[in-house]
């Protein structure tokens, strides 16, 4: 039996596998460390999504999970290598004052968390709302700045822009006003922040 794909793992976790398939999956998990770890990560991801009642899984995330497990083959990359950051704060969730509503589009402040890392982001409109400035800072909860980490902006599944954090864990992009996912590569792990910006937001 080859490596389990994500659909098989989720079918098993949802209790929808037949008795024979369930026994075969459990036997494989008992001897395959990679698939066992993938199952553990799938359970953790499912728990995270259930806890975030307002979270709707973007289609790009669903496709991204499938891409990690090519049909009938070995995972393209370790599941553990990609960690989905959770949103802890979004200034757009706060009520806006009447005077602010009539003014120019405000900057958006966001805070994401992945393990012991916090990512603070600020998104501001630029050049007549045709572009945006996205700045951020990456730091551990021990107040240590994460420097020289690779930061990428992806659009339509392609890496469009790339930079690195400085000594203060800071990074910055000025890019067209488009839909983006953001990822930060730290110590072999990839922190993913999905739908970090969309033209439909209040920026």
C-alpha atoms as a PDB file:
ATOM      1  CA  UNK A   1       0.000   0.000   0.000  1.00  0.00           C
ATOM      2  CA  UNK A   2       1.392   3.396  -0.984  1.00  0.00           C
ATOM      3  CA  UNK A   3       1.226   6.569   1.086  1.00  0.00           C
ATOM      4  CA  UNK A   4      -2.282   7.670   2.076  1.00  0.00           C
ATOM      5  CA  UNK A   5      -3.699  10.697   0.285  1.00  0.00           C
ATOM      6  CA  UNK A   6      -5.563  13.435   2.143  1.00  0.00           C
ATOM      7  CA  UNK A   7      -8.989  12.263   0.951  1.00  0.00           C
ATOM      8  CA  UNK A   8      -8.373   8.792   2.399  1.00  0.00           C
ATOM      9  CA  UNK A   9      -7.164  10.226   5.703  1.00  0.00           C
ATOM     10  CA  UNK A  10     -10.202  12.522   6.002  1.00  0.00           C
ATOM     11  CA  UNK A  11     -12.604   9.690   5.072  1.00  0.00           C
ATOM     12  CA  UNK A  12     -11.039   7.605   7.843  1.00  0.00           C
ATOM     13  CA  UNK A  13     -11.216  10.431  10.396  1.00  0.00           C
ATOM     14  CA  UNK A  14     -14.853  11.127   9.498  1.00  0.00           C
ATOM     15  CA  UNK A  15     -15.713   7.464  10.170  1.00  0.00           C
ATOM     16  CA  UNK A  16     -16.869   6.907   6.591  1.00  0.00           C
ATOM     17  CA  UNK A  17     -14.359   4.186   5.671  1.00  0.00           C
ATOM     18  CA  UNK A  18     -15.650   0.636   5.326  1.00  0.00           C
ATOM     19  CA  UNK A  19     -14.477  -2.050   7.748  1.00  0.00           C
ATOM     20  CA  UNK A  20     -11.945  -3.521   5.317  1.00  0.00           C
ATOM     21  CA  UNK A  21     -10.616  -0.108   4.285  1.00  0.00           C
ATOM     22  CA  UNK A  22     -10.458   1.007   7.928  1.00  0.00           C
ATOM     23  CA  UNK A  23      -8.401  -2.049   8.895  1.00  0.00           C
ATOM     24  CA  UNK A  24      -6.046  -1.495   5.947  1.00  0.00           C
ATOM     25  CA  UNK A  25      -5.598   2.189   6.823  1.00  0.00           C
ATOM     26  CA  UNK A  26      -4.950   1.460  10.509  1.00  0.00           C
ATOM     27  CA  UNK A  27      -2.404  -1.217   9.602  1.00  0.00           C
ATOM     28  CA  UNK A  28      -0.607   1.248   7.328  1.00  0.00           C
ATOM     29  CA  UNK A  29      -0.643   4.015   9.934  1.00  0.00           C
ATOM     30  CA  UNK A  30       0.921   1.628  12.435  1.00  0.00           C
ATOM     31  CA  UNK A  31       4.023   1.187  10.287  1.00  0.00           C
ATOM     32  CA  UNK A  32       4.265   4.451   8.304  1.00  0.00           C
ATOM     33  CA  UNK A  33       5.594   7.381  10.315  1.00  0.00           C
ATOM     34  CA  UNK A  34       4.979   9.897   7.489  1.00  0.00           C
ATOM     35  CA  UNK A  35       1.284   9.048   7.098  1.00  0.00           C
ATOM     36  CA  UNK A  36       0.819   8.831  10.856  1.00  0.00           C
ATOM     37  CA  UNK A  37       2.203  12.365  11.175  1.00  0.00           C
ATOM     38  CA  UNK A  38      -0.059  13.519   8.322  1.00  0.00           C
ATOM     39  CA  UNK A  39      -3.040  12.096  10.192  1.00  0.00           C
ATOM     40  CA  UNK A  40      -1.997  13.917  13.377  1.00  0.00           C
ATOM     41  CA  UNK A  41      -1.695  17.191  11.487  1.00  0.00           C
ATOM     42  CA  UNK A  42      -5.095  16.664   9.819  1.00  0.00           C
ATOM     43  CA  UNK A  43      -6.691  16.149  13.242  1.00  0.00           C
ATOM     44  CA  UNK A  44      -5.028  19.320  14.540  1.00  0.00           C
ATOM     45  CA  UNK A  45      -6.160  21.297  11.491  1.00  0.00           C
ATOM     46  CA  UNK A  46      -9.740  20.039  11.829  1.00  0.00           C
ATOM     47  CA  UNK A  47      -9.789  21.022  15.518  1.00  0.00           C
ATOM     48  CA  UNK A  48      -8.463  24.500  14.690  1.00  0.00           C
ATOM     49  CA  UNK A  49     -11.138  25.057  12.053  1.00  0.00           C
ATOM     50  CA  UNK A  50     -13.913  23.884  14.366  1.00  0.00           C
ATOM     51  CA  UNK A  51     -12.748  26.269  17.072  1.00  0.00           C
ATOM     52  CA  UNK A  52     -12.848  29.186  14.625  1.00  0.00           C
ATOM     53  CA  UNK A  53     -16.600  29.156  14.069  1.00  0.00           C
ATOM     54  CA  UNK A  54     -16.520  32.086  11.655  1.00  0.00           C
ATOM     55  CA  UNK A  55     -13.754  30.595   9.509  1.00  0.00           C
ATOM     56  CA  UNK A  56     -14.664  29.445   5.996  1.00  0.00           C
ATOM     57  CA  UNK A  57     -11.987  27.380   4.293  1.00  0.00           C
ATOM     58  CA  UNK A  58     -10.927  29.140   1.067  1.00  0.00           C
ATOM     59  CA  UNK A  59     -10.975  27.063  -2.104  1.00  0.00           C
ATOM     60  CA  UNK A  60      -7.229  27.732  -2.455  1.00  0.00           C
ATOM     61  CA  UNK A  61      -6.607  26.065   0.926  1.00  0.00           C
ATOM     62  CA  UNK A  62      -8.593  22.984  -0.097  1.00  0.00           C
ATOM     63  CA  UNK A  63      -6.581  22.750  -3.318  1.00  0.00           C
ATOM     64  CA  UNK A  64      -3.358  23.349  -1.401  1.00  0.00           C
ATOM     65  CA  UNK A  65      -4.091  20.415   0.893  1.00  0.00           C
ATOM     66  CA  UNK A  66      -4.774  18.190  -2.110  1.00  0.00           C
ATOM     67  CA  UNK A  67      -1.536  19.322  -3.758  1.00  0.00           C
ATOM     68  CA  UNK A  68       0.405  18.087  -0.733  1.00  0.00           C
ATOM     69  CA  UNK A  69      -0.779  14.554  -1.474  1.00  0.00           C
ATOM     70  CA  UNK A  70      -0.568  13.667  -5.189  1.00  0.00           C
ATOM     71  CA  UNK A  71      -2.946  10.798  -6.015  1.00  0.00           C
ATOM     72  CA  UNK A  72      -1.372   7.447  -5.248  1.00  0.00           C
ATOM     73  CA  UNK A  73       2.047   8.898  -4.483  1.00  0.00           C
ATOM     74  CA  UNK A  74       4.267  10.076  -1.696  1.00  0.00           C
ATOM     75  CA  UNK A  75       3.420  13.497  -0.223  1.00  0.00           C
ATOM     76  CA  UNK A  76       5.073  16.234  -2.280  1.00  0.00           C
ATOM     77  CA  UNK A  77       6.297  17.827   0.966  1.00  0.00           C
ATOM     78  CA  UNK A  78       5.950  16.961   4.664  1.00  0.00           C
ATOM     79  CA  UNK A  79       2.544  18.032   5.976  1.00  0.00           C
ATOM     80  CA  UNK A  80       4.256  19.369   9.094  1.00  0.00           C
ATOM     81  CA  UNK A  81       6.222  21.829   6.968  1.00  0.00           C
ATOM     82  CA  UNK A  82       3.126  23.978   6.374  1.00  0.00           C
ATOM     83  CA  UNK A  83       1.419  25.554   9.380  1.00  0.00           C
ATOM     84  CA  UNK A  84      -1.764  27.571   9.005  1.00  0.00           C
ATOM     85  CA  UNK A  85      -1.618  30.746  11.094  1.00  0.00           C
ATOM     86  CA  UNK A  86      -4.758  31.727  13.014  1.00  0.00           C
ATOM     87  CA  UNK A  87      -6.078  35.274  13.015  1.00  0.00           C
ATOM     88  CA  UNK A  88      -5.989  36.796  16.496  1.00  0.00           C
ATOM     89  CA  UNK A  89      -6.991  40.375  15.653  1.00  0.00           C
ATOM     90  CA  UNK A  90      -8.404  42.308  12.697  1.00  0.00           C
ATOM     91  CA  UNK A  91      -9.100  46.030  12.996  1.00  0.00           C
ATOM     92  CA  UNK A  92     -11.842  45.663  10.366  1.00  0.00           C
ATOM     93  CA  UNK A  93     -13.811  43.551  12.856  1.00  0.00           C
ATOM     94  CA  UNK A  94     -14.068  46.633  15.090  1.00  0.00           C
ATOM     95  CA  UNK A  95     -16.952  49.136  14.697  1.00  0.00           C
ATOM     96  CA  UNK A  96     -16.000  52.169  12.625  1.00  0.00           C
ATOM     97  CA  UNK A  97     -16.816  55.688  13.770  1.00  0.00           C
ATOM     98  CA  UNK A  98     -19.079  57.743  11.493  1.00  0.00           C
ATOM     99  CA  UNK A  99     -16.313  60.243  10.725  1.00  0.00           C
ATOM    100  CA  UNK A 100     -13.940  57.465   9.734  1.00  0.00           C
ATOM    101  CA  UNK A 101     -16.454  55.972   7.317  1.00  0.00           C
ATOM    102  CA  UNK A 102     -16.520  59.140   5.276  1.00  0.00           C
ATOM    103  CA  UNK A 103     -12.756  59.608   5.235  1.00  0.00           C
ATOM    104  CA  UNK A 104     -10.174  57.903   3.044  1.00  0.00           C
ATOM    105  CA  UNK A 105      -9.880  54.135   3.387  1.00  0.00           C
ATOM    106  CA  UNK A 106      -8.174  53.368   6.703  1.00  0.00           C
ATOM    107  CA  UNK A 107      -5.176  51.140   7.212  1.00  0.00           C
ATOM    108  CA  UNK A 108      -5.946  47.579   8.234  1.00  0.00           C
ATOM    109  CA  UNK A 109      -4.183  46.070  11.250  1.00  0.00           C
ATOM    110  CA  UNK A 110      -4.001  42.284  11.666  1.00  0.00           C
ATOM    111  CA  UNK A 111      -2.302  39.902  14.082  1.00  0.00           C
ATOM    112  CA  UNK A 112      -1.760  36.221  13.293  1.00  0.00           C
ATOM    113  CA  UNK A 113      -0.357  33.447  15.485  1.00  0.00           C
ATOM    114  CA  UNK A 114       1.330  30.173  14.590  1.00  0.00           C
ATOM    115  CA  UNK A 115       2.772  28.228  17.509  1.00  0.00           C
ATOM    116  CA  UNK A 116       4.954  30.616  19.498  1.00  0.00           C
ATOM    117  CA  UNK A 117       5.245  33.118  16.637  1.00  0.00           C
ATOM    118  CA  UNK A 118       3.209  36.293  16.152  1.00  0.00           C
ATOM    119  CA  UNK A 119       2.928  38.113  12.828  1.00  0.00           C
ATOM    120  CA  UNK A 120       1.769  41.750  13.002  1.00  0.00           C
ATOM    121  CA  UNK A 121       0.562  43.169   9.676  1.00  0.00           C
ATOM    122  CA  UNK A 122      -0.513  46.582   8.403  1.00  0.00           C
ATOM    123  CA  UNK A 123      -2.140  47.026   4.994  1.00  0.00           C
ATOM    124  CA  UNK A 124      -2.598  50.515   3.554  1.00  0.00           C
ATOM    125  CA  UNK A 125      -4.005  51.693   0.198  1.00  0.00           C
ATOM    126  CA  UNK A 126      -1.539  53.488  -2.066  1.00  0.00           C
ATOM    127  CA  UNK A 127      -1.646  55.426  -5.322  1.00  0.00           C
ATOM    128  CA  UNK A 128      -5.378  55.886  -5.653  1.00  0.00           C
ATOM    129  CA  UNK A 129      -6.167  52.414  -4.271  1.00  0.00           C
ATOM    130  CA  UNK A 130      -4.507  50.787  -7.286  1.00  0.00           C
ATOM    131  CA  UNK A 131      -1.701  49.500  -5.077  1.00  0.00           C
ATOM    132  CA  UNK A 132      -1.289  48.534  -1.430  1.00  0.00           C
ATOM    133  CA  UNK A 133       1.572  48.749   1.043  1.00  0.00           C
ATOM    134  CA  UNK A 134       1.831  45.644   3.192  1.00  0.00           C
ATOM    135  CA  UNK A 135       4.258  45.850   6.119  1.00  0.00           C
ATOM    136  CA  UNK A 136       4.784  43.338   8.877  1.00  0.00           C
ATOM    137  CA  UNK A 137       6.870  42.163  11.786  1.00  0.00           C
ATOM    138  CA  UNK A 138       7.591  38.602  12.891  1.00  0.00           C
ATOM    139  CA  UNK A 139       8.504  37.846  16.485  1.00  0.00           C
ATOM    140  CA  UNK A 140       8.355  35.020  18.973  1.00  0.00           C
ATOM    141  CA  UNK A 141       6.230  35.254  22.093  1.00  0.00           C
ATOM    142  CA  UNK A 142       9.498  35.518  24.004  1.00  0.00           C
ATOM    143  CA  UNK A 143       9.858  38.959  22.328  1.00  0.00           C
ATOM    144  CA  UNK A 144      12.657  37.793  20.042  1.00  0.00           C
ATOM    145  CA  UNK A 145      12.603  39.220  16.535  1.00  0.00           C
ATOM    146  CA  UNK A 146      12.799  36.713  13.674  1.00  0.00           C
ATOM    147  CA  UNK A 147      15.360  38.025  11.206  1.00  0.00           C
ATOM    148  CA  UNK A 148      16.376  36.810   7.743  1.00  0.00           C
ATOM    149  CA  UNK A 149      13.165  34.798   7.308  1.00  0.00           C
ATOM    150  CA  UNK A 150      11.943  34.418   3.714  1.00  0.00           C
ATOM    151  CA  UNK A 151       8.581  36.143   3.164  1.00  0.00           C
ATOM    152  CA  UNK A 152       6.537  35.480   0.040  1.00  0.00           C
ATOM    153  CA  UNK A 153       3.338  36.914  -1.449  1.00  0.00           C
ATOM    154  CA  UNK A 154       1.398  34.488  -3.625  1.00  0.00           C
ATOM    155  CA  UNK A 155      -1.351  35.277  -6.118  1.00  0.00           C
ATOM    156  CA  UNK A 156      -3.314  32.591  -7.994  1.00  0.00           C
ATOM    157  CA  UNK A 157      -1.019  29.937  -6.539  1.00  0.00           C
ATOM    158  CA  UNK A 158       2.149  31.586  -7.861  1.00  0.00           C
ATOM    159  CA  UNK A 159       4.855  33.359  -5.853  1.00  0.00           C
ATOM    160  CA  UNK A 160       4.773  36.958  -7.129  1.00  0.00           C
ATOM    161  CA  UNK A 161       6.948  38.799  -4.610  1.00  0.00           C
ATOM    162  CA  UNK A 162       9.669  37.785  -2.193  1.00  0.00           C
ATOM    163  CA  UNK A 163      11.714  39.484   0.529  1.00  0.00           C
ATOM    164  CA  UNK A 164      13.401  38.770   3.885  1.00  0.00           C
ATOM    165  CA  UNK A 165      12.857  40.107   7.379  1.00  0.00           C
ATOM    166  CA  UNK A 166      15.444  42.550   8.741  1.00  0.00           C
ATOM    167  CA  UNK A 167      17.131  42.533  12.171  1.00  0.00           C
ATOM    168  CA  UNK A 168      13.886  43.744  13.765  1.00  0.00           C
ATOM    169  CA  UNK A 169      11.833  41.021  12.085  1.00  0.00           C
ATOM    170  CA  UNK A 170      10.274  43.575   9.730  1.00  0.00           C
ATOM    171  CA  UNK A 171       9.374  43.283   6.045  1.00  0.00           C
ATOM    172  CA  UNK A 172       7.522  45.410   3.495  1.00  0.00           C
ATOM    173  CA  UNK A 173       5.886  45.144   0.068  1.00  0.00           C
ATOM    174  CA  UNK A 174       4.293  47.713  -2.243  1.00  0.00           C
ATOM    175  CA  UNK A 175       2.264  45.723  -4.743  1.00  0.00           C
ATOM    176  CA  UNK A 176      -0.819  45.957  -7.006  1.00  0.00           C
ATOM    177  CA  UNK A 177      -4.165  45.790  -5.200  1.00  0.00           C
ATOM    178  CA  UNK A 178      -4.896  42.097  -5.753  1.00  0.00           C
ATOM    179  CA  UNK A 179      -5.727  38.962  -3.753  1.00  0.00           C
ATOM    180  CA  UNK A 180      -2.737  37.540  -1.878  1.00  0.00           C
ATOM    181  CA  UNK A 181      -1.683  34.718   0.401  1.00  0.00           C
ATOM    182  CA  UNK A 182       1.397  35.346   2.544  1.00  0.00           C
ATOM    183  CA  UNK A 183       3.933  32.785   3.727  1.00  0.00           C
ATOM    184  CA  UNK A 184       6.947  32.997   6.014  1.00  0.00           C
ATOM    185  CA  UNK A 185       9.684  30.359   5.944  1.00  0.00           C
ATOM    186  CA  UNK A 186      11.310  29.799   9.350  1.00  0.00           C
ATOM    187  CA  UNK A 187      13.601  26.916  10.329  1.00  0.00           C
ATOM    188  CA  UNK A 188      12.242  24.563   7.687  1.00  0.00           C
ATOM    189  CA  UNK A 189       8.607  25.362   8.483  1.00  0.00           C
ATOM    190  CA  UNK A 190       6.267  27.427   6.344  1.00  0.00           C
ATOM    191  CA  UNK A 191       3.802  29.689   8.145  1.00  0.00           C
ATOM    192  CA  UNK A 192       0.841  30.257   5.808  1.00  0.00           C
ATOM    193  CA  UNK A 193      -1.548  33.217   6.091  1.00  0.00           C
ATOM    194  CA  UNK A 194      -4.318  32.695   3.570  1.00  0.00           C
ATOM    195  CA  UNK A 195      -6.338  35.508   1.987  1.00  0.00           C
ATOM    196  CA  UNK A 196      -4.259  38.103   3.790  1.00  0.00           C
ATOM    197  CA  UNK A 197      -5.667  40.692   1.374  1.00  0.00           C
ATOM    198  CA  UNK A 198      -8.436  40.873  -1.188  1.00  0.00           C
ATOM    199  CA  UNK A 199      -9.523  43.880  -3.288  1.00  0.00           C
ATOM    200  CA  UNK A 200     -13.002  43.390  -1.814  1.00  0.00           C
ATOM    201  CA  UNK A 201     -11.742  44.308   1.670  1.00  0.00           C
ATOM    202  CA  UNK A 202     -12.076  47.828   3.036  1.00  0.00           C
ATOM    203  CA  UNK A 203      -8.572  48.741   1.902  1.00  0.00           C
END
